[in-house]
C-alpha atoms as a PDB file:
ATOM      1  CA  MET A   1     -11.232   2.271   8.089  1.00  0.00           C
ATOM      2  CA  THR A   2     -10.262   5.313   6.119  1.00  0.00           C
ATOM      3  CA  ILE A   3      -7.012   6.894   5.167  1.00  0.00           C
ATOM      4  CA  ARG A   4      -6.898  10.621   4.295  1.00  0.00           C
ATOM      5  CA  ASP A   5      -4.011  12.554   2.842  1.00  0.00           C
ATOM      6  CA  SER A   6      -2.650  15.850   4.224  1.00  0.00           C
ATOM      7  CA  ALA A   7      -5.372  17.670   2.252  1.00  0.00           C
ATOM      8  CA  GLY A   8      -8.103  15.704   4.010  1.00  0.00           C
ATOM      9  CA  VAL A   9      -9.043  13.657   0.898  1.00  0.00           C
ATOM     10  CA  ILE A  10      -9.949  10.021   1.422  1.00  0.00           C
ATOM     11  CA  VAL A  11      -7.303   8.100  -0.529  1.00  0.00           C
ATOM     12  CA  GLU A  12      -8.100   4.546   0.537  1.00  0.00           C
ATOM     13  CA  ALA A  13     -10.580   2.581   2.677  1.00  0.00           C
ATOM     14  CA  GLY A  14     -10.508  -0.902   3.920  1.00  0.00           C
ATOM     15  CA  VAL A  15     -11.672  -3.388   6.555  1.00  0.00           C
ATOM     16  CA  LEU A  16     -10.022  -4.817   9.656  1.00  0.00           C
ATOM     17  CA  GLU A  17      -9.098  -8.487   9.770  1.00  0.00           C
ATOM     18  CA  PHE A  18     -10.577 -10.704  12.586  1.00  0.00           C
ATOM     19  CA  GLY A  19      -9.400  -9.772  16.047  1.00  0.00           C
ATOM     20  CA  ALA A  20      -6.888 -11.939  18.014  1.00  0.00           C
ATOM     21  CA  ILE A  21      -5.508 -11.802  21.497  1.00  0.00           C
ATOM     22  CA  SER A  22      -2.233 -10.009  21.617  1.00  0.00           C
ATOM     23  CA  PRO A  23       0.746 -12.376  22.148  1.00  0.00           C
ATOM     24  CA  SER A  24       2.268  -9.843  24.482  1.00  0.00           C
ATOM     25  CA  ASN A  25      -0.788  -8.957  26.564  1.00  0.00           C
ATOM     26  CA  ALA A  26      -3.865 -11.237  26.996  1.00  0.00           C
ATOM     27  CA  ALA A  27      -5.925  -8.160  27.941  1.00  0.00           C
ATOM     28  CA  ILE A  28      -5.540  -6.666  24.436  1.00  0.00           C
ATOM     29  CA  CYS A  29      -7.285  -7.689  21.256  1.00  0.00           C
ATOM     30  CA  GLU A  30      -5.418  -6.826  18.037  1.00  0.00           C
ATOM     31  CA  PHE A  31      -7.102  -6.156  14.659  1.00  0.00           C
ATOM     32  CA  LYS A  32      -4.585  -6.126  11.744  1.00  0.00           C
ATOM     33  CA  PHE A  33      -5.205  -4.409   8.506  1.00  0.00           C
ATOM     34  CA  ARG A  34      -3.432  -4.089   5.181  1.00  0.00           C
ATOM     35  CA  ILE A  35      -4.250  -1.569   2.569  1.00  0.00           C
ATOM     36  CA  SER A  36      -2.706  -1.145  -0.829  1.00  0.00           C
ATOM     37  CA  GLY A  37      -3.075   1.708  -3.274  1.00  0.00           C
ATOM     38  CA  VAL A  38      -2.339   4.666  -0.980  1.00  0.00           C
ATOM     39  CA  PRO A  39      -0.673   7.202  -3.177  1.00  0.00           C
ATOM     40  CA  THR A  40       2.710   8.601  -2.081  1.00  0.00           C
ATOM     41  CA  GLY A  41       3.528  12.242  -1.990  1.00  0.00           C
ATOM     42  CA  SER A  42       1.773  13.361   1.238  1.00  0.00           C
ATOM     43  CA  LYS A  43       3.952  13.990   4.275  1.00  0.00           C
ATOM     44  CA  PHE A  44       1.345  12.720   6.679  1.00  0.00           C
ATOM     45  CA  PHE A  45      -1.968  10.833   6.613  1.00  0.00           C
ATOM     46  CA  THR A  46      -4.823  10.459   9.044  1.00  0.00           C
ATOM     47  CA  VAL A  47      -6.204   6.932   9.793  1.00  0.00           C
ATOM     48  CA  ALA A  48      -9.577   6.402  11.316  1.00  0.00           C
ATOM     49  CA  VAL A  49     -11.484   3.252  12.278  1.00  0.00           C
ATOM     50  CA  GLY A  50     -15.215   3.478  12.345  1.00  0.00           C
ATOM     51  CA  SER A  51     -16.358   6.572  14.249  1.00  0.00           C
ATOM     52  CA  GLY A  52     -13.104   6.723  16.268  1.00  0.00           C
ATOM     53  CA  ALA A  53     -11.028   9.838  16.273  1.00  0.00           C
ATOM     54  CA  PRO A  54      -8.576  10.025  13.378  1.00  0.00           C
ATOM     55  CA  VAL A  55      -4.891   9.518  14.202  1.00  0.00           C
ATOM     56  CA  THR A  56      -2.207  11.444  12.309  1.00  0.00           C
ATOM     57  CA  VAL A  57       0.732   9.384  11.116  1.00  0.00           C
ATOM     58  CA  SER A  58       3.833  10.202   9.018  1.00  0.00           C
ATOM     59  CA  SER A  59       4.215   8.727   5.562  1.00  0.00           C
ATOM     60  CA  ASP A  60       7.306   6.934   6.823  1.00  0.00           C
ATOM     61  CA  ASP A  61       5.122   5.112   9.495  1.00  0.00           C
ATOM     62  CA  LEU A  62       2.260   4.373   7.178  1.00  0.00           C
ATOM     63  CA  PHE A  63       4.538   2.844   4.465  1.00  0.00           C
ATOM     64  CA  GLY A  64       6.986   1.413   6.989  1.00  0.00           C
ATOM     65  CA  PRO A  65       6.537  -1.276   9.632  1.00  0.00           C
ATOM     66  CA  GLY A  66       2.978  -0.301  10.439  1.00  0.00           C
ATOM     67  CA  VAL A  67       0.612   1.859  12.532  1.00  0.00           C
ATOM     68  CA  VAL A  68      -0.714   1.086  15.957  1.00  0.00           C
ATOM     69  CA  LEU A  69      -4.074   2.699  16.845  1.00  0.00           C
ATOM     70  CA  GLN A  70      -5.322   2.757  20.418  1.00  0.00           C
ATOM     71  CA  PRO A  71      -9.066   2.754  21.186  1.00  0.00           C
ATOM     72  CA  ASN A  72     -10.406   6.091  22.488  1.00  0.00           C
END
């Protein structure tokens, strides 16, 4: 997983935790991640897992309760 700032620079990289069945929907497998060290100051970031398409998120979402990525 990579996180890029609004200038497109990779500011952090990490790995997903083991997957688990979602408590709200048994057809969904959730992979949680936690990354520290992302610098503040960017209004938005892009988050990408593997070769998946990057998802743009606001800094409030990234530093707030979390980000949900859907498979594409």
